[in-house]
Amino acid sequence: MLASASGLGPHNHGHHLKTRSNFIYDITRRQTFPVFLMYFFWGFGTGGLWLVRPLFAYEIGGTFLLVAIVSSVSAMPRLVTSPATGFLTDRYGRKPFVILGAVLHVIAMTSDFFVDSYLPFLLLEIVGGIGISVWMTSANILMADSTRAETRGRVVAVREISSRLGLLLGPVAAGLIGAVFGLKYIFFFIALCKVAVIIVTVLWIKESRRVRVNKPHPLAGVKRRIDFAMFKTRAFCALAIGTFTVSMVGGGTGVFRTLFPPHSSEVGGLSEVQIGLLLAIAGGVALISTMPAGIVTDRYGRKRTLLFGLFVTALSVYVMTLGASFTMAAIAVVTFGLSEAFASGTIQVYAMDLAPEDRRGSFLGVWGFFQNLGQIMGPLLIGILADAYNFNLAFMTVSGMLLLGAAMVFLFGKETKPQPIAISPPRIVR
């Protein structure tokens, strides 16, 4: 008789077993664990930065707009450094830029300790923002190099868990340091975490830049380096719009982490410890939801998962308009944590899928431009509307933009769900 070739047959079961074994192999390789450790230390320090940056900016600036300007200005150089880093990593490799980005951030954080006025802090945030951009772009490309399409959603989820575990613990540690020693000592804590990133990278991270199997003609190589056709597709347009809207809210300089802490402090009267706890709750929900999001991404596709993430992100921003008490703030951060797990990780996997292998650095570098643009425009828009009108109008505006972004992804996005391994022709079983 003929062996079953349907989706319910033993061959399909073998495919799932093979995919699962590929996933286990991908996350347990000797060269993979240091990458996860690197992301943990980066997240640990970044969690502290998410707490101290808006609070310190508000302390020395005095207005929500100045808080928003700090986050926006720190992200502005990334519009240039992210694409530039992507192109350079294709030429010189990923690892040198991972180290360079961490070094720049250590310099900025150490210098922040000695700052007592707004302008020097603003300038140092620009330096720190460049370091973050260089590190995030090169580390993301390195991660894309070491993953495969059929397991990418789950492997990136494990990386996100490593980062989110640090982000979960970072605000709590930073809140305690700020309460005991003072707000400025948190900058030293952040710098030490980034020193740990440098040590892990230098000692254990291997270069991941791949050599092309088929060496092209020299003139063809020049032509291909200046060919921007991969950015002129409907799929990239949908990716860019989705990335922009997600980044308006999430990330280190997005709306949530830029203006939620000072809004909760000024309007809700919450303490630094309470705000740190709320940020930790958001990180905890995101941590718990990250692996389910990765599984859903691999099983049902990137586009569907991203649409869900965009809708929940819009809901989380809307909840912020309902009040500033600890209870309402807790509901908002729980919703945001869920949305971040399903939106931010999925948009990264989506970008990795669409990136051509031989120009991955260039593609992801330009994609990072839209990520950074969202992080610039989101808090700036909120800050202007909050100071001129009120927070409710500001949050409702961003929520509406997220829904518009979801509509564009739905209409023009390309699904990149990994296809099953080709099934061989039916065989005769005697």
Protein backbone atom coordinates (compact mmCIF):
# COMPACT_ATOMS: atom_id res chain seq x y z
CA MET A 1 0.00 0.00 0.00
CA LEU A 2 0.99 3.62 -0.32
CA ALA A 3 2.52 5.40 2.68
CA SER A 4 0.55 8.49 3.65
CA ALA A 5 1.83 11.78 2.28
CA SER A 6 -0.88 13.88 3.87
CA GLY A 7 -0.37 16.43 6.63
CA LEU A 8 -1.65 13.84 9.13
CA GLY A 9 0.67 11.04 8.09
CA PRO A 10 3.82 9.68 9.73
CA HIS A 11 6.09 11.65 7.39
CA ASN A 12 4.59 14.92 8.66
CA HIS A 13 5.07 13.66 12.23
CA GLY A 14 8.70 12.99 11.35
CA HIS A 15 8.97 16.52 9.96
CA HIS A 16 7.76 17.97 13.27
CA LEU A 17 10.23 15.79 15.16
CA LYS A 18 13.02 16.93 12.87
CA THR A 19 12.03 20.58 13.31
CA ARG A 20 11.97 20.13 17.09
CA SER A 21 15.39 18.46 17.06
CA ASN A 22 16.72 21.28 14.85
CA PHE A 23 15.44 23.80 17.39
CA ILE A 24 17.10 21.96 20.30
CA TYR A 25 20.34 21.78 18.36
CA ASP A 26 20.18 25.48 17.46
CA ILE A 27 19.79 26.66 21.08
CA THR A 28 22.30 24.24 22.64
CA ARG A 29 25.27 24.79 20.35
CA ARG A 30 28.46 25.86 22.14
CA GLN A 31 28.66 29.10 20.16
CA THR A 32 24.99 29.97 20.86
CA PHE A 33 25.01 30.18 24.68
CA PRO A 34 27.43 33.15 24.83
CA VAL A 35 25.06 35.07 22.53
CA PHE A 36 22.23 34.50 25.00
CA LEU A 37 24.53 35.52 27.88
CA MET A 38 25.52 38.67 26.01
CA TYR A 39 21.87 39.62 25.54
CA PHE A 40 21.16 38.98 29.24
CA PHE A 41 23.83 41.41 30.42
CA TRP A 42 22.74 44.00 27.86
CA GLY A 43 19.13 43.67 29.01
CA PHE A 44 20.12 43.85 32.69
CA GLY A 45 21.78 47.23 32.17
CA THR A 46 19.11 48.47 29.77
CA GLY A 47 16.39 47.74 32.33
CA GLY A 48 18.15 50.14 34.66
CA LEU A 49 18.46 52.71 31.88
CA TRP A 50 14.72 52.55 31.18
CA LEU A 51 14.12 53.56 34.78
CA VAL A 52 16.79 56.22 35.28
CA ARG A 53 16.73 58.04 31.93
CA PRO A 54 13.21 59.55 32.13
CA LEU A 55 13.36 60.14 35.89
CA PHE A 56 16.75 61.89 35.73
CA ALA A 57 15.72 63.90 32.67
CA TYR A 58 12.57 65.05 34.47
CA GLU A 59 14.57 65.88 37.61
CA ILE A 60 16.99 68.19 35.77
CA GLY A 61 14.59 69.33 33.00
CA GLY A 62 11.28 69.77 34.74
CA THR A 63 8.84 69.18 31.85
CA PHE A 64 7.51 66.15 29.99
CA LEU A 65 8.57 67.68 26.68
CA LEU A 66 12.21 67.83 27.80
CA VAL A 67 11.96 64.18 28.85
CA ALA A 68 10.65 63.30 25.38
CA ILE A 69 13.39 65.37 23.72
CA VAL A 70 16.09 63.38 25.56
CA SER A 71 14.74 60.10 24.21
CA SER A 72 14.12 61.43 20.72
CA VAL A 73 17.50 63.15 20.38
CA SER A 74 19.32 60.07 21.69
CA ALA A 75 17.66 58.06 18.93
CA MET A 76 18.17 60.57 16.10
CA PRO A 77 21.80 59.62 15.26
CA ARG A 78 20.61 56.05 14.88
CA LEU A 79 18.87 57.04 11.64
CA VAL A 80 22.36 57.24 10.16
CA THR A 81 24.35 54.83 12.32
CA SER A 82 21.96 51.89 11.91
CA PRO A 83 22.11 51.71 8.06
CA ALA A 84 25.83 52.56 8.12
CA THR A 85 26.53 49.80 10.63
CA GLY A 86 24.56 47.33 8.52
CA PHE A 87 26.56 48.09 5.38
CA LEU A 88 29.86 48.00 7.31
CA THR A 89 29.11 44.63 8.92
CA ASP A 90 28.67 43.13 5.46
CA ARG A 91 32.17 44.30 4.66
CA TYR A 92 34.11 43.93 7.92
CA GLY A 93 32.11 41.48 10.03
CA ARG A 94 29.67 41.66 12.93
CA LYS A 95 31.82 41.19 16.06
CA PRO A 96 33.94 44.40 15.89
CA PHE A 97 30.78 46.53 15.84
CA VAL A 98 29.17 44.59 18.71
CA ILE A 99 32.22 45.53 20.81
CA LEU A 100 32.33 49.13 19.54
CA GLY A 101 28.67 49.76 20.41
CA ALA A 102 29.12 48.48 23.97
CA VAL A 103 32.28 50.58 24.49
CA LEU A 104 30.51 53.78 23.40
CA HIS A 105 27.66 53.08 25.79
CA VAL A 106 30.03 52.47 28.72
CA ILE A 107 31.67 55.85 28.06
CA ALA A 108 28.31 57.65 27.96
CA MET A 109 26.91 56.00 31.12
CA THR A 110 30.09 56.60 33.15
CA SER A 111 30.11 60.24 32.11
CA ASP A 112 26.42 60.69 33.06
CA PHE A 113 27.33 60.23 36.72
CA PHE A 114 29.18 63.55 36.71
CA VAL A 115 26.40 65.53 34.97
CA ASP A 116 24.24 68.05 36.89
CA SER A 117 22.48 69.97 34.10
CA TYR A 118 20.23 69.17 31.17
CA LEU A 119 22.40 70.07 28.14
CA PRO A 120 25.43 67.87 28.99
CA PHE A 121 23.07 65.00 29.77
CA LEU A 122 21.38 65.51 26.41
CA LEU A 123 24.72 65.44 24.56
CA LEU A 124 25.86 62.30 26.37
CA GLU A 125 22.57 60.61 25.50
CA ILE A 126 23.44 61.20 21.85
CA VAL A 127 26.75 59.35 22.34
CA GLY A 128 24.97 56.59 24.22
CA GLY A 129 22.32 56.39 21.51
CA ILE A 130 24.98 55.88 18.85
CA GLY A 131 26.45 53.06 20.91
CA ILE A 132 23.05 51.43 21.34
CA SER A 133 22.38 51.68 17.61
CA VAL A 134 25.72 50.16 16.62
CA TRP A 135 25.32 47.34 19.14
CA MET A 136 21.69 46.52 18.39
CA THR A 137 22.18 46.52 14.62
CA SER A 138 25.31 44.35 14.62
CA ALA A 139 24.01 41.97 17.33
CA ASN A 140 20.73 41.53 15.47
CA ILE A 141 22.57 40.72 12.24
CA LEU A 142 24.80 38.26 14.12
CA MET A 143 21.66 36.57 15.45
CA ALA A 144 20.11 36.41 11.98
CA ASP A 145 23.29 34.73 10.69
CA SER A 146 23.04 31.96 13.27
CA THR A 147 19.34 31.07 12.84
CA ARG A 148 17.36 29.09 10.29
CA ALA A 149 13.91 29.94 8.96
CA GLU A 150 12.14 26.84 10.28
CA THR A 151 13.23 27.47 13.90
CA ARG A 152 13.94 31.20 13.81
CA GLY A 153 10.84 32.27 15.71
CA ARG A 154 11.64 30.02 18.68
CA VAL A 155 15.40 30.65 18.69
CA VAL A 156 14.82 34.41 18.64
CA ALA A 157 12.28 33.83 21.43
CA VAL A 158 15.00 32.18 23.54
CA ARG A 159 17.23 35.17 22.85
CA GLU A 160 14.36 37.47 23.83
CA ILE A 161 13.90 35.48 27.05
CA SER A 162 17.58 36.02 27.86
CA SER A 163 17.22 39.74 27.23
CA ARG A 164 13.88 40.05 29.00
CA LEU A 165 15.19 38.24 32.06
CA GLY A 166 17.77 41.01 32.32
CA LEU A 167 15.11 43.64 31.62
CA LEU A 168 12.96 42.11 34.35
CA LEU A 169 15.70 42.26 36.98
CA GLY A 170 17.27 45.54 35.81
CA PRO A 171 14.55 47.99 36.93
CA VAL A 172 14.27 46.32 40.35
CA ALA A 173 18.04 46.45 40.91
CA ALA A 174 18.19 50.02 39.61
CA GLY A 175 15.25 51.09 41.79
CA LEU A 176 16.97 49.73 44.89
CA ILE A 177 20.28 51.38 43.95
CA GLY A 178 18.48 54.68 43.34
CA ALA A 179 16.61 54.49 46.64
CA VAL A 180 19.70 53.60 48.72
CA PHE A 181 22.54 55.50 47.03
CA GLY A 182 20.85 58.04 44.75
CA LEU A 183 19.54 58.19 41.20
CA LYS A 184 22.91 58.91 39.56
CA TYR A 185 24.53 55.71 40.88
CA ILE A 186 22.30 53.75 38.53
CA PHE A 187 24.51 54.97 35.67
CA PHE A 188 27.49 53.11 37.18
CA PHE A 189 25.37 49.97 37.41
CA ILE A 190 24.48 50.26 33.70
CA ALA A 191 28.13 50.78 32.71
CA LEU A 192 29.23 47.65 34.61
CA CYS A 193 26.59 45.58 32.80
CA LYS A 194 27.89 46.76 29.43
CA VAL A 195 31.47 45.94 30.49
CA ALA A 196 30.22 42.38 31.06
CA VAL A 197 28.83 42.42 27.50
CA ILE A 198 32.26 43.38 26.16
CA ILE A 199 33.99 40.59 28.13
CA VAL A 200 31.56 37.94 26.87
CA THR A 201 31.88 39.18 23.28
CA VAL A 202 35.69 39.29 23.27
CA LEU A 203 36.16 35.89 24.92
CA TRP A 204 33.34 33.70 23.56
CA ILE A 205 31.45 35.25 20.62
CA LYS A 206 32.57 34.03 17.19
CA GLU A 207 32.41 36.04 14.00
CA SER A 208 29.29 35.08 12.00
CA ARG A 209 29.77 36.87 8.68
CA ARG A 210 29.25 34.32 5.96
CA VAL A 211 31.35 34.09 2.80
CA ARG A 212 29.39 33.88 -0.44
CA VAL A 213 29.48 30.42 -1.96
CA ASN A 214 29.33 31.68 -5.54
CA LYS A 215 31.81 34.50 -5.99
CA PRO A 216 30.28 37.07 -8.37
CA HIS A 217 32.04 39.00 -11.04
CA PRO A 218 33.71 42.13 -9.53
CA LEU A 219 31.54 44.53 -11.53
CA ALA A 220 28.42 42.58 -10.61
CA GLY A 221 29.39 42.89 -6.96
CA VAL A 222 29.66 46.67 -7.22
CA LYS A 223 26.34 46.87 -8.99
CA ARG A 224 24.68 44.70 -6.36
CA ARG A 225 26.02 46.79 -3.48
CA ILE A 226 24.30 49.89 -4.84
CA ASP A 227 21.10 48.10 -5.86
CA PHE A 228 18.22 49.27 -3.66
CA ALA A 229 15.57 47.16 -5.37
CA MET A 230 15.08 45.06 -2.23
CA PHE A 231 13.69 48.16 -0.48
CA LYS A 232 11.16 48.99 -3.23
CA THR A 233 8.75 46.10 -2.65
CA ARG A 234 5.31 46.08 -1.04
CA ALA A 235 6.61 43.57 1.51
CA PHE A 236 9.36 45.94 2.68
CA CYS A 237 6.87 48.83 2.76
CA ALA A 238 4.59 46.83 5.08
CA LEU A 239 7.60 45.79 7.18
CA ALA A 240 8.74 49.42 7.50
CA ILE A 241 5.28 50.68 8.52
CA GLY A 242 4.79 47.86 11.02
CA THR A 243 8.24 48.45 12.47
CA PHE A 244 7.65 52.20 12.78
CA THR A 245 4.37 51.83 14.67
CA VAL A 246 5.62 49.08 17.01
CA SER A 247 8.75 51.09 17.79
CA MET A 248 6.73 54.19 18.67
CA VAL A 249 5.64 52.43 21.87
CA GLY A 250 8.22 49.75 22.64
CA GLY A 251 11.98 49.78 23.00
CA GLY A 252 14.16 51.85 25.25
CA THR A 253 13.10 55.23 23.87
CA GLY A 254 9.51 54.38 22.95
CA VAL A 255 6.41 55.98 24.45
CA PHE A 256 5.98 53.45 27.25
CA ARG A 257 9.42 53.66 28.83
CA THR A 258 9.97 57.33 28.06
CA LEU A 259 6.79 58.85 29.48
CA PHE A 260 5.12 56.15 31.55
CA PRO A 261 7.57 56.60 34.50
CA PRO A 262 7.31 60.42 34.81
CA HIS A 263 3.55 60.29 34.07
CA SER A 264 3.08 57.76 36.88
CA SER A 265 5.27 59.81 39.21
CA GLU A 266 3.75 63.23 38.49
CA VAL A 267 0.09 62.39 37.81
CA GLY A 268 -0.30 59.17 39.79
CA GLY A 269 2.03 60.03 42.65
CA LEU A 270 3.83 56.70 42.46
CA SER A 271 7.27 56.24 44.04
CA GLU A 272 10.47 55.13 42.31
CA VAL A 273 10.15 51.67 43.85
CA GLN A 274 6.54 51.35 42.62
CA ILE A 275 7.49 52.49 39.13
CA GLY A 276 10.41 50.06 39.10
CA LEU A 277 8.03 47.29 40.19
CA LEU A 278 5.58 48.15 37.40
CA LEU A 279 8.35 48.08 34.80
CA ALA A 280 9.40 44.71 36.21
CA ILE A 281 5.81 43.44 35.94
CA ALA A 282 5.74 44.46 32.27
CA GLY A 283 9.02 42.62 31.77
CA GLY A 284 7.72 39.56 33.61
CA VAL A 285 4.60 39.30 31.45
CA ALA A 286 6.72 39.74 28.32
CA LEU A 287 9.14 37.08 29.58
CA ILE A 288 6.36 34.54 30.18
CA SER A 289 4.74 35.30 26.83
CA THR A 290 7.90 35.27 24.70
CA MET A 291 8.23 31.53 24.04
CA PRO A 292 4.50 31.09 23.23
CA ALA A 293 4.89 34.02 20.82
CA GLY A 294 7.88 32.32 19.19
CA ILE A 295 5.97 29.05 18.80
CA VAL A 296 2.98 30.85 17.29
CA THR A 297 5.29 32.74 14.94
CA ASP A 298 6.87 29.54 13.60
CA ARG A 299 3.59 27.64 13.41
CA TYR A 300 1.11 30.21 12.09
CA GLY A 301 3.34 32.75 10.38
CA ARG A 302 4.92 36.12 11.08
CA LYS A 303 2.22 38.33 9.57
CA ARG A 304 -0.68 36.94 11.62
CA THR A 305 1.32 37.10 14.85
CA LEU A 306 2.42 40.66 14.11
CA LEU A 307 -1.17 41.77 13.50
CA PHE A 308 -2.18 40.38 16.89
CA GLY A 309 0.77 42.17 18.51
CA LEU A 310 -0.16 45.49 16.91
CA PHE A 311 -3.78 45.26 18.10
CA VAL A 312 -2.76 44.44 21.68
CA THR A 313 -0.18 47.24 21.65
CA ALA A 314 -2.90 49.70 20.62
CA LEU A 315 -5.04 48.38 23.47
CA SER A 316 -2.23 48.83 26.01
CA VAL A 317 -1.76 52.48 25.00
CA TYR A 318 -5.51 53.05 25.25
CA VAL A 319 -5.56 51.64 28.80
CA MET A 320 -3.02 54.31 29.78
CA THR A 321 -5.75 56.90 29.21
CA LEU A 322 -8.08 55.35 31.80
CA GLY A 323 -6.22 56.56 34.89
CA ALA A 324 -2.88 56.91 36.65
CA SER A 325 -3.54 54.91 39.83
CA PHE A 326 -1.37 51.92 40.67
CA THR A 327 -4.19 49.53 39.72
CA MET A 328 -4.77 51.05 36.26
CA ALA A 329 -1.03 51.35 35.73
CA ALA A 330 -0.68 47.64 36.55
CA ILE A 331 -3.38 46.74 33.98
CA ALA A 332 -1.59 48.88 31.40
CA VAL A 333 1.82 47.28 31.99
CA VAL A 334 0.39 43.74 31.90
CA THR A 335 -1.26 44.46 28.54
CA PHE A 336 1.90 46.12 27.28
CA GLY A 337 4.07 43.17 28.34
CA LEU A 338 1.88 40.78 26.35
CA SER A 339 1.92 43.07 23.32
CA GLU A 340 5.69 43.48 23.42
CA ALA A 341 6.25 39.72 23.38
CA PHE A 342 4.07 39.27 20.31
CA ALA A 343 5.05 42.46 18.44
CA SER A 344 8.73 43.27 18.97
CA GLY A 345 10.09 39.74 18.60
CA THR A 346 7.87 38.96 15.63
CA ILE A 347 8.87 42.11 13.73
CA GLN A 348 12.53 41.13 14.13
CA VAL A 349 11.93 37.59 12.84
CA TYR A 350 9.89 39.04 9.96
CA ALA A 351 12.78 41.32 9.00
CA MET A 352 15.31 38.46 9.21
CA ASP A 353 13.13 36.34 6.91
CA LEU A 354 12.88 39.07 4.27
CA ALA A 355 16.61 39.93 4.34
CA PRO A 356 18.65 38.51 1.41
CA GLU A 357 21.41 36.28 2.81
CA ASP A 358 24.24 37.95 0.89
CA ARG A 359 23.08 41.47 1.86
CA ARG A 360 21.64 40.75 5.28
CA GLY A 361 23.59 43.45 7.07
CA SER A 362 22.56 46.14 4.59
CA PHE A 363 18.89 45.09 4.67
CA LEU A 364 18.64 44.92 8.46
CA GLY A 365 20.57 48.16 8.83
CA VAL A 366 18.05 50.05 6.68
CA TRP A 367 15.20 48.26 8.48
CA GLY A 368 16.71 49.60 11.71
CA PHE A 369 16.24 53.13 10.31
CA PHE A 370 12.45 52.73 10.58
CA GLN A 371 12.78 51.15 14.00
CA ASN A 372 14.72 54.16 15.24
CA LEU A 373 12.41 56.61 13.45
CA GLY A 374 9.48 55.22 15.40
CA GLN A 375 11.35 55.56 18.68
CA ILE A 376 12.09 59.19 17.82
CA MET A 377 8.62 60.22 16.68
CA GLY A 378 6.59 58.34 19.30
CA PRO A 379 7.80 60.08 22.49
CA LEU A 380 8.22 63.42 20.71
CA LEU A 381 4.60 63.31 19.53
CA ILE A 382 3.38 62.31 23.00
CA GLY A 383 5.48 64.98 24.70
CA ILE A 384 4.20 67.78 22.47
CA LEU A 385 0.54 66.75 22.76
CA ALA A 386 0.80 66.10 26.52
CA ASP A 387 2.27 69.54 27.23
CA ALA A 388 -0.04 71.37 24.79
CA TYR A 389 -3.26 69.46 25.57
CA ASN A 390 -3.30 66.35 27.79
CA PHE A 391 -1.98 62.81 28.04
CA ASN A 392 -5.28 61.22 27.04
CA LEU A 393 -5.26 62.87 23.61
CA ALA A 394 -1.60 61.96 23.16
CA PHE A 395 -2.11 58.29 24.01
CA MET A 396 -5.26 58.04 21.87
CA THR A 397 -3.34 59.45 18.89
CA VAL A 398 -0.64 56.80 19.18
CA SER A 399 -3.25 54.06 19.63
CA GLY A 400 -4.93 55.16 16.40
CA MET A 401 -1.61 55.13 14.55
CA LEU A 402 -1.01 51.55 15.70
CA LEU A 403 -4.36 50.47 14.28
CA LEU A 404 -3.52 52.21 11.00
CA GLY A 405 -0.19 50.37 10.93
CA ALA A 406 -2.00 47.06 11.47
CA ALA A 407 -4.26 47.83 8.51
CA MET A 408 -1.26 48.49 6.25
CA VAL A 409 0.44 45.24 7.30
CA PHE A 410 -2.81 43.34 6.67
CA LEU A 411 -3.19 44.82 3.18
CA PHE A 412 0.39 44.78 1.91
CA GLY A 413 2.36 42.43 4.18
CA LYS A 414 3.88 39.22 2.81
CA GLU A 415 3.60 36.08 4.91
CA THR A 416 6.96 34.40 5.53
CA LYS A 417 5.86 31.31 7.43
CA PRO A 418 8.53 28.61 6.89
CA GLN A 419 7.41 25.96 4.42
CA PRO A 420 7.54 22.29 5.34
CA ILE A 421 10.45 20.26 4.03
CA ALA A 422 9.60 18.82 0.61
CA ILE A 423 7.93 15.41 0.92
CA SER A 424 9.33 12.66 -1.23
CA PRO A 425 7.03 10.70 -3.59
CA PRO A 426 4.95 7.91 -2.04
CA ARG A 427 6.86 4.69 -1.63
CA ILE A 428 5.54 1.13 -1.74
CA VAL A 429 5.55 -0.64 1.61
CA ARG A 430 5.59 -4.42 1.37
